[in-house]
């Protein structure tokens, strides 16, 4: 994933639509150099739709997301 191109786009979204919160899942299945389509051999995306998570993908992505972006959901959901 080319984060160099994605970061300005996300910043623009943050500034132009301040009431819309963005959950940053785009970088969860990625390292600094490579993105993967599976976690532990289980596919992240549905076999017929690479834009929507599979059940296994959403189950496996969530804890990885929490590690990568600690506190982001609390801020978005306004938990205190």
PDB file of N, CA and C in Angstrom:
ATOM      1  N   UNK A   1       0.845  -1.175   0.000  1.00  0.00           N
ATOM      2  CA  UNK A   1       0.000   0.000   0.000  1.00  0.00           C
ATOM      3  C   UNK A   1       0.888   1.234   0.000  1.00  0.00           C
ATOM      4  N   UNK A   2       0.578   2.170  -0.833  1.00  0.00           N
ATOM      5  CA  UNK A   2       1.379   3.374  -0.924  1.00  0.00           C
ATOM      6  C   UNK A   2       0.867   4.410   0.078  1.00  0.00           C
ATOM      7  N   UNK A   3       1.401   4.349   1.286  1.00  0.00           N
ATOM      8  CA  UNK A   3       0.969   5.246   2.355  1.00  0.00           C
ATOM      9  C   UNK A   3       1.311   6.698   2.025  1.00  0.00           C
ATOM     10  N   UNK A   4       2.336   6.897   1.208  1.00  0.00           N
ATOM     11  CA  UNK A   4       2.718   8.252   0.799  1.00  0.00           C
ATOM     12  C   UNK A   4       1.549   8.948   0.090  1.00  0.00           C
ATOM     13  N   UNK A   5       0.787   8.209  -0.695  1.00  0.00           N
ATOM     14  CA  UNK A   5      -0.368   8.771  -1.395  1.00  0.00           C
ATOM     15  C   UNK A   5      -1.623   8.780  -0.535  1.00  0.00           C
ATOM     16  N   UNK A   6      -1.747   7.806   0.342  1.00  0.00           N
ATOM     17  CA  UNK A   6      -2.963   7.668   1.137  1.00  0.00           C
ATOM     18  C   UNK A   6      -3.050   8.689   2.268  1.00  0.00           C
ATOM     19  N   UNK A   7      -1.960   8.977   2.923  1.00  0.00           N
ATOM     20  CA  UNK A   7      -1.993   9.906   4.067  1.00  0.00           C
ATOM     21  C   UNK A   7      -2.572  11.280   3.720  1.00  0.00           C
ATOM     22  N   UNK A   8      -2.144  11.931   2.616  1.00  0.00           N
ATOM     23  CA  UNK A   8      -2.746  13.230   2.280  1.00  0.00           C
ATOM     24  C   UNK A   8      -4.251  13.133   2.021  1.00  0.00           C
ATOM     25  N   UNK A   9      -4.680  12.055   1.412  1.00  0.00           N
ATOM     26  CA  UNK A   9      -6.105  11.862   1.147  1.00  0.00           C
ATOM     27  C   UNK A   9      -6.880  11.758   2.464  1.00  0.00           C
ATOM     28  N   UNK A  10      -6.369  10.999   3.413  1.00  0.00           N
ATOM     29  CA  UNK A  10      -7.030  10.868   4.710  1.00  0.00           C
ATOM     30  C   UNK A  10      -7.037  12.187   5.470  1.00  0.00           C
ATOM     31  N   UNK A  11      -5.939  12.926   5.406  1.00  0.00           N
ATOM     32  CA  UNK A  11      -5.897  14.246   6.051  1.00  0.00           C
ATOM     33  C   UNK A  11      -6.933  15.182   5.437  1.00  0.00           C
ATOM     34  N   UNK A  12      -7.064  15.137   4.121  1.00  0.00           N
ATOM     35  CA  UNK A  12      -8.051  15.966   3.439  1.00  0.00           C
ATOM     36  C   UNK A  12      -9.465  15.591   3.890  1.00  0.00           C
ATOM     37  N   UNK A  13      -9.742  14.308   4.023  1.00  0.00           N
ATOM     38  CA  UNK A  13     -11.053  13.861   4.498  1.00  0.00           C
ATOM     39  C   UNK A  13     -11.291  14.359   5.923  1.00  0.00           C
ATOM     40  N   UNK A  14     -10.283  14.278   6.765  1.00  0.00           N
ATOM     41  CA  UNK A  14     -10.416  14.744   8.149  1.00  0.00           C
ATOM     42  C   UNK A  14     -10.748  16.234   8.202  1.00  0.00           C
ATOM     43  N   UNK A  15     -10.116  17.022   7.330  1.00  0.00           N
ATOM     44  CA  UNK A  15     -10.328  18.473   7.341  1.00  0.00           C
ATOM     45  C   UNK A  15     -11.637  18.880   6.659  1.00  0.00           C
ATOM     46  N   UNK A  16     -11.992  18.193   5.582  1.00  0.00           N
ATOM     47  CA  UNK A  16     -13.181  18.600   4.826  1.00  0.00           C
ATOM     48  C   UNK A  16     -14.479  18.063   5.421  1.00  0.00           C
ATOM     49  N   UNK A  17     -14.394  17.001   6.199  1.00  0.00           N
ATOM     50  CA  UNK A  17     -15.593  16.415   6.818  1.00  0.00           C
ATOM     51  C   UNK A  17     -15.307  16.124   8.286  1.00  0.00           C
ATOM     52  N   UNK A  18     -15.167  17.167   9.109  1.00  0.00           N
ATOM     53  CA  UNK A  18     -14.749  16.958  10.493  1.00  0.00           C
ATOM     54  C   UNK A  18     -15.740  16.160  11.352  1.00  0.00           C
ATOM     55  N   UNK A  19     -16.980  16.062  10.926  1.00  0.00           N
ATOM     56  CA  UNK A  19     -17.960  15.300  11.708  1.00  0.00           C
ATOM     57  C   UNK A  19     -17.981  13.819  11.334  1.00  0.00           C
ATOM     58  N   UNK A  20     -17.186  13.446  10.354  1.00  0.00           N
ATOM     59  CA  UNK A  20     -17.102  12.049   9.930  1.00  0.00           C
ATOM     60  C   UNK A  20     -15.812  11.461  10.485  1.00  0.00           C
ATOM     61  N   UNK A  21     -15.943  10.391  11.244  1.00  0.00           N
ATOM     62  CA  UNK A  21     -14.764   9.720  11.796  1.00  0.00           C
ATOM     63  C   UNK A  21     -14.335   8.590  10.869  1.00  0.00           C
ATOM     64  N   UNK A  22     -13.042   8.416  10.745  1.00  0.00           N
ATOM     65  CA  UNK A  22     -12.478   7.378   9.896  1.00  0.00           C
ATOM     66  C   UNK A  22     -11.820   6.324  10.771  1.00  0.00           C
ATOM     67  N   UNK A  23     -12.220   5.085  10.574  1.00  0.00           N
ATOM     68  CA  UNK A  23     -11.576   3.970  11.254  1.00  0.00           C
ATOM     69  C   UNK A  23     -10.456   3.505  10.326  1.00  0.00           C
ATOM     70  N   UNK A  24      -9.236   3.599  10.805  1.00  0.00           N
ATOM     71  CA  UNK A  24      -8.058   3.339   9.975  1.00  0.00           C
ATOM     72  C   UNK A  24      -7.698   1.854   9.951  1.00  0.00           C
ATOM     73  N   UNK A  25      -8.394   1.092   9.130  1.00  0.00           N
ATOM     74  CA  UNK A  25      -8.093  -0.338   9.015  1.00  0.00           C
ATOM     75  C   UNK A  25      -7.196  -0.641   7.820  1.00  0.00           C
ATOM     76  N   UNK A  26      -6.951   0.351   6.974  1.00  0.00           N
ATOM     77  CA  UNK A  26      -6.208   0.125   5.733  1.00  0.00           C
ATOM     78  C   UNK A  26      -4.802  -0.414   5.971  1.00  0.00           C
ATOM     79  N   UNK A  27      -4.199  -0.090   7.084  1.00  0.00           N
ATOM     80  CA  UNK A  27      -2.814  -0.500   7.311  1.00  0.00           C
ATOM     81  C   UNK A  27      -2.685  -1.730   8.214  1.00  0.00           C
ATOM     82  N   UNK A  28      -3.791  -2.258   8.676  1.00  0.00           N
ATOM     83  CA  UNK A  28      -3.711  -3.374   9.628  1.00  0.00           C
ATOM     84  C   UNK A  28      -3.089  -4.629   9.013  1.00  0.00           C
ATOM     85  N   UNK A  29      -3.492  -5.046   7.824  1.00  0.00           N
ATOM     86  CA  UNK A  29      -2.861  -6.252   7.283  1.00  0.00           C
ATOM     87  C   UNK A  29      -1.525  -5.988   6.597  1.00  0.00           C
ATOM     88  N   UNK A  30      -0.916  -4.838   6.880  1.00  0.00           N
ATOM     89  CA  UNK A  30       0.305  -4.456   6.174  1.00  0.00           C
ATOM     90  C   UNK A  30       1.481  -4.251   7.120  1.00  0.00           C
ATOM     91  N   UNK A  31       2.645  -4.578   6.622  1.00  0.00           N
ATOM     92  CA  UNK A  31       3.890  -4.199   7.285  1.00  0.00           C
ATOM     93  C   UNK A  31       4.387  -2.956   6.565  1.00  0.00           C
ATOM     94  N   UNK A  32       5.616  -2.568   6.811  1.00  0.00           N
ATOM     95  CA  UNK A  32       6.166  -1.406   6.111  1.00  0.00           C
ATOM     96  C   UNK A  32       6.370  -1.667   4.624  1.00  0.00           C
ATOM     97  N   UNK A  33       6.490  -2.941   4.246  1.00  0.00           N
ATOM     98  CA  UNK A  33       6.821  -3.253   2.861  1.00  0.00           C
ATOM     99  C   UNK A  33       5.814  -4.128   2.133  1.00  0.00           C
ATOM    100  N   UNK A  34       4.868  -4.735   2.868  1.00  0.00           N
ATOM    101  CA  UNK A  34       4.011  -5.722   2.222  1.00  0.00           C
ATOM    102  C   UNK A  34       2.638  -5.785   2.893  1.00  0.00           C
ATOM    103  N   UNK A  35       1.599  -6.000   2.084  1.00  0.00           N
ATOM    104  CA  UNK A  35       0.254  -6.231   2.613  1.00  0.00           C
ATOM    105  C   UNK A  35      -0.129  -7.681   2.322  1.00  0.00           C
ATOM    106  N   UNK A  36      -0.918  -8.253   3.213  1.00  0.00           N
ATOM    107  CA  UNK A  36      -1.315  -9.637   3.055  1.00  0.00           C
ATOM    108  C   UNK A  36      -2.831  -9.749   2.912  1.00  0.00           C
ATOM    109  N   UNK A  37      -3.282 -10.790   2.284  1.00  0.00           N
ATOM    110  CA  UNK A  37      -4.716 -11.027   2.131  1.00  0.00           C
ATOM    111  C   UNK A  37      -5.222 -12.090   3.094  1.00  0.00           C
ATOM    112  N   UNK A  38      -4.355 -12.523   4.002  1.00  0.00           N
ATOM    113  CA  UNK A  38      -4.794 -13.525   4.970  1.00  0.00           C
ATOM    114  C   UNK A  38      -4.089 -13.326   6.308  1.00  0.00           C
ATOM    115  N   UNK A  39      -4.706 -13.835   7.345  1.00  0.00           N
ATOM    116  CA  UNK A  39      -4.098 -13.921   8.675  1.00  0.00           C
ATOM    117  C   UNK A  39      -4.048 -15.395   9.029  1.00  0.00           C
ATOM    118  N   UNK A  40      -2.872 -15.876   9.299  1.00  0.00           N
ATOM    119  CA  UNK A  40      -2.690 -17.280   9.674  1.00  0.00           C
ATOM    120  C   UNK A  40      -3.343 -18.233   8.678  1.00  0.00           C
ATOM    121  N   UNK A  41      -3.274 -17.897   7.393  1.00  0.00           N
ATOM    122  CA  UNK A  41      -3.815 -18.767   6.352  1.00  0.00           C
ATOM    123  C   UNK A  41      -5.305 -18.619   6.096  1.00  0.00           C
ATOM    124  N   UNK A  42      -6.008 -17.824   6.888  1.00  0.00           N
ATOM    125  CA  UNK A  42      -7.438 -17.602   6.669  1.00  0.00           C
ATOM    126  C   UNK A  42      -7.639 -16.307   5.885  1.00  0.00           C
ATOM    127  N   UNK A  43      -8.467 -16.350   4.839  1.00  0.00           N
ATOM    128  CA  UNK A  43      -8.636 -15.158   3.998  1.00  0.00           C
ATOM    129  C   UNK A  43      -9.299 -14.010   4.747  1.00  0.00           C
ATOM    130  N   UNK A  44      -8.777 -12.819   4.555  1.00  0.00           N
ATOM    131  CA  UNK A  44      -9.337 -11.623   5.180  1.00  0.00           C
ATOM    132  C   UNK A  44     -10.605 -11.191   4.437  1.00  0.00           C
ATOM    133  N   UNK A  45     -10.561 -11.272   3.111  1.00  0.00           N
ATOM    134  CA  UNK A  45     -11.683 -10.798   2.299  1.00  0.00           C
ATOM    135  C   UNK A  45     -12.501 -11.965   1.761  1.00  0.00           C
ATOM    136  N   UNK A  46     -13.750 -11.676   1.438  1.00  0.00           N
ATOM    137  CA  UNK A  46     -14.628 -12.690   0.869  1.00  0.00           C
ATOM    138  C   UNK A  46     -14.061 -13.140  -0.464  1.00  0.00           C
ATOM    139  N   UNK A  47     -14.225 -14.405  -0.789  1.00  0.00           N
ATOM    140  CA  UNK A  47     -13.618 -14.950  -2.010  1.00  0.00           C
ATOM    141  C   UNK A  47     -14.164 -14.288  -3.283  1.00  0.00           C
ATOM    142  N   UNK A  48     -15.382 -13.771  -3.242  1.00  0.00           N
ATOM    143  CA  UNK A  48     -15.988 -13.179  -4.430  1.00  0.00           C
ATOM    144  C   UNK A  48     -16.061 -11.652  -4.367  1.00  0.00           C
ATOM    145  N   UNK A  49     -15.414 -11.056  -3.325  1.00  0.00           N
ATOM    146  CA  UNK A  49     -15.559  -9.614  -3.125  1.00  0.00           C
ATOM    147  C   UNK A  49     -14.377  -9.109  -2.306  1.00  0.00           C
ATOM    148  N   UNK A  50     -13.413  -8.499  -2.975  1.00  0.00           N
ATOM    149  CA  UNK A  50     -12.213  -8.046  -2.280  1.00  0.00           C
ATOM    150  C   UNK A  50     -12.364  -6.672  -1.635  1.00  0.00           C
ATOM    151  N   UNK A  51     -13.598  -6.217  -1.466  1.00  0.00           N
ATOM    152  CA  UNK A  51     -13.853  -4.952  -0.794  1.00  0.00           C
ATOM    153  C   UNK A  51     -14.522  -5.150   0.560  1.00  0.00           C
ATOM    154  N   UNK A  52     -14.967  -6.367   0.839  1.00  0.00           N
ATOM    155  CA  UNK A  52     -15.654  -6.647   2.098  1.00  0.00           C
ATOM    156  C   UNK A  52     -14.972  -7.795   2.827  1.00  0.00           C
ATOM    157  N   UNK A  53     -14.855  -7.635   4.132  1.00  0.00           N
ATOM    158  CA  UNK A  53     -14.191  -8.655   4.939  1.00  0.00           C
ATOM    159  C   UNK A  53     -15.013  -9.934   5.019  1.00  0.00           C
ATOM    160  N   UNK A  54     -14.307 -11.048   5.085  1.00  0.00           N
ATOM    161  CA  UNK A  54     -14.966 -12.319   5.374  1.00  0.00           C
ATOM    162  C   UNK A  54     -15.247 -12.361   6.877  1.00  0.00           C
ATOM    163  N   UNK A  55     -16.012 -13.341   7.317  1.00  0.00           N
ATOM    164  CA  UNK A  55     -16.266 -13.488   8.751  1.00  0.00           C
ATOM    165  C   UNK A  55     -14.941 -13.710   9.478  1.00  0.00           C
ATOM    166  N   UNK A  56     -14.122 -14.602   8.938  1.00  0.00           N
ATOM    167  CA  UNK A  56     -12.804 -14.835   9.544  1.00  0.00           C
ATOM    168  C   UNK A  56     -11.968 -13.556   9.514  1.00  0.00           C
ATOM    169  N   UNK A  57     -12.038 -12.824   8.410  1.00  0.00           N
ATOM    170  CA  UNK A  57     -11.270 -11.588   8.284  1.00  0.00           C
ATOM    171  C   UNK A  57     -11.645 -10.556   9.324  1.00  0.00           C
ATOM    172  N   UNK A  58     -12.941 -10.364   9.534  1.00  0.00           N
ATOM    173  CA  UNK A  58     -13.354  -9.363  10.526  1.00  0.00           C
ATOM    174  C   UNK A  58     -13.006  -9.811  11.937  1.00  0.00           C
ATOM    175  N   UNK A  59     -13.120 -11.117  12.194  1.00  0.00           N
ATOM    176  CA  UNK A  59     -12.768 -11.647  13.511  1.00  0.00           C
ATOM    177  C   UNK A  59     -11.275 -11.506  13.783  1.00  0.00           C
ATOM    178  N   UNK A  60     -10.459 -11.757  12.780  1.00  0.00           N
ATOM    179  CA  UNK A  60      -9.012 -11.682  12.940  1.00  0.00           C
ATOM    180  C   UNK A  60      -8.477 -10.255  12.827  1.00  0.00           C
ATOM    181  N   UNK A  61      -9.127  -9.426  12.035  1.00  0.00           N
ATOM    182  CA  UNK A  61      -8.663  -8.057  11.839  1.00  0.00           C
ATOM    183  C   UNK A  61      -8.865  -7.204  13.095  1.00  0.00           C
ATOM    184  N   UNK A  62      -9.961  -7.411  13.805  1.00  0.00           N
ATOM    185  CA  UNK A  62     -10.290  -6.561  14.947  1.00  0.00           C
ATOM    186  C   UNK A  62      -9.183  -6.501  16.002  1.00  0.00           C
ATOM    187  N   UNK A  63      -8.690  -7.643  16.515  1.00  0.00           N
ATOM    188  CA  UNK A  63      -7.613  -7.527  17.509  1.00  0.00           C
ATOM    189  C   UNK A  63      -6.330  -6.926  16.938  1.00  0.00           C
ATOM    190  N   UNK A  64      -6.057  -7.174  15.670  1.00  0.00           N
ATOM    191  CA  UNK A  64      -4.879  -6.576  15.035  1.00  0.00           C
ATOM    192  C   UNK A  64      -5.052  -5.058  14.907  1.00  0.00           C
ATOM    193  N   UNK A  65      -6.278  -4.645  14.587  1.00  0.00           N
ATOM    194  CA  UNK A  65      -6.587  -3.214  14.504  1.00  0.00           C
ATOM    195  C   UNK A  65      -6.386  -2.544  15.861  1.00  0.00           C
ATOM    196  N   UNK A  66      -6.877  -3.180  16.924  1.00  0.00           N
ATOM    197  CA  UNK A  66      -6.740  -2.602  18.267  1.00  0.00           C
ATOM    198  C   UNK A  66      -5.276  -2.432  18.647  1.00  0.00           C
ATOM    199  N   UNK A  67      -4.424  -3.374  18.235  1.00  0.00           N
ATOM    200  CA  UNK A  67      -2.988  -3.261  18.515  1.00  0.00           C
ATOM    201  C   UNK A  67      -2.361  -2.112  17.728  1.00  0.00           C
ATOM    202  N   UNK A  68      -2.757  -1.984  16.476  1.00  0.00           N
ATOM    203  CA  UNK A  68      -2.150  -0.975  15.596  1.00  0.00           C
ATOM    204  C   UNK A  68      -2.643   0.437  15.922  1.00  0.00           C
ATOM    205  N   UNK A  69      -3.899   0.550  16.366  1.00  0.00           N
ATOM    206  CA  UNK A  69      -4.501   1.864  16.623  1.00  0.00           C
ATOM    207  C   UNK A  69      -5.145   1.900  18.007  1.00  0.00           C
ATOM    208  N   UNK A  70      -4.348   1.773  19.069  1.00  0.00           N
ATOM    209  CA  UNK A  70      -4.928   1.759  20.421  1.00  0.00           C
ATOM    210  C   UNK A  70      -5.647   3.072  20.727  1.00  0.00           C
ATOM    211  N   UNK A  71      -6.848   2.960  21.255  1.00  0.00           N
ATOM    212  CA  UNK A  71      -7.615   4.127  21.662  1.00  0.00           C
ATOM    213  C   UNK A  71      -8.412   4.803  20.556  1.00  0.00           C
ATOM    214  N   UNK A  72      -8.190   4.420  19.299  1.00  0.00           N
ATOM    215  CA  UNK A  72      -8.894   5.100  18.207  1.00  0.00           C
ATOM    216  C   UNK A  72     -10.403   4.883  18.291  1.00  0.00           C
ATOM    217  N   UNK A  73     -10.844   3.649  18.523  1.00  0.00           N
ATOM    218  CA  UNK A  73     -12.288   3.400  18.612  1.00  0.00           C
ATOM    219  C   UNK A  73     -12.903   4.101  19.812  1.00  0.00           C
ATOM    220  N   UNK A  74     -12.192   4.124  20.920  1.00  0.00           N
ATOM    221  CA  UNK A  74     -12.709   4.838  22.091  1.00  0.00           C
ATOM    222  C   UNK A  74     -12.957   6.303  21.752  1.00  0.00           C
ATOM    223  N   UNK A  75     -12.031   6.902  21.044  1.00  0.00           N
ATOM    224  CA  UNK A  75     -12.181   8.305  20.652  1.00  0.00           C
ATOM    225  C   UNK A  75     -13.357   8.478  19.689  1.00  0.00           C
ATOM    226  N   UNK A  76     -13.445   7.604  18.712  1.00  0.00           N
ATOM    227  CA  UNK A  76     -14.512   7.702  17.713  1.00  0.00           C
ATOM    228  C   UNK A  76     -15.878   7.472  18.341  1.00  0.00           C
ATOM    229  N   UNK A  77     -15.966   6.466  19.186  1.00  0.00           N
ATOM    230  CA  UNK A  77     -17.250   6.130  19.797  1.00  0.00           C
ATOM    231  C   UNK A  77     -17.527   6.958  21.029  1.00  0.00           C
ATOM    232  N   UNK A  78     -16.561   7.789  21.401  1.00  0.00           N
ATOM    233  CA  UNK A  78     -16.704   8.728  22.512  1.00  0.00           C
ATOM    234  C   UNK A  78     -16.898   8.059  23.868  1.00  0.00           C
ATOM    235  N   UNK A  79     -16.217   6.922  24.041  1.00  0.00           N
ATOM    236  CA  UNK A  79     -16.242   6.264  25.335  1.00  0.00           C
ATOM    237  C   UNK A  79     -15.376   7.059  26.300  1.00  0.00           C
ATOM    238  N   UNK A  80     -15.773   7.124  27.517  1.00  0.00           N
ATOM    239  CA  UNK A  80     -14.979   7.830  28.544  1.00  0.00           C
ATOM    240  C   UNK A  80     -14.523   6.847  29.596  1.00  0.00           C
TER     241      UNK A  80
END
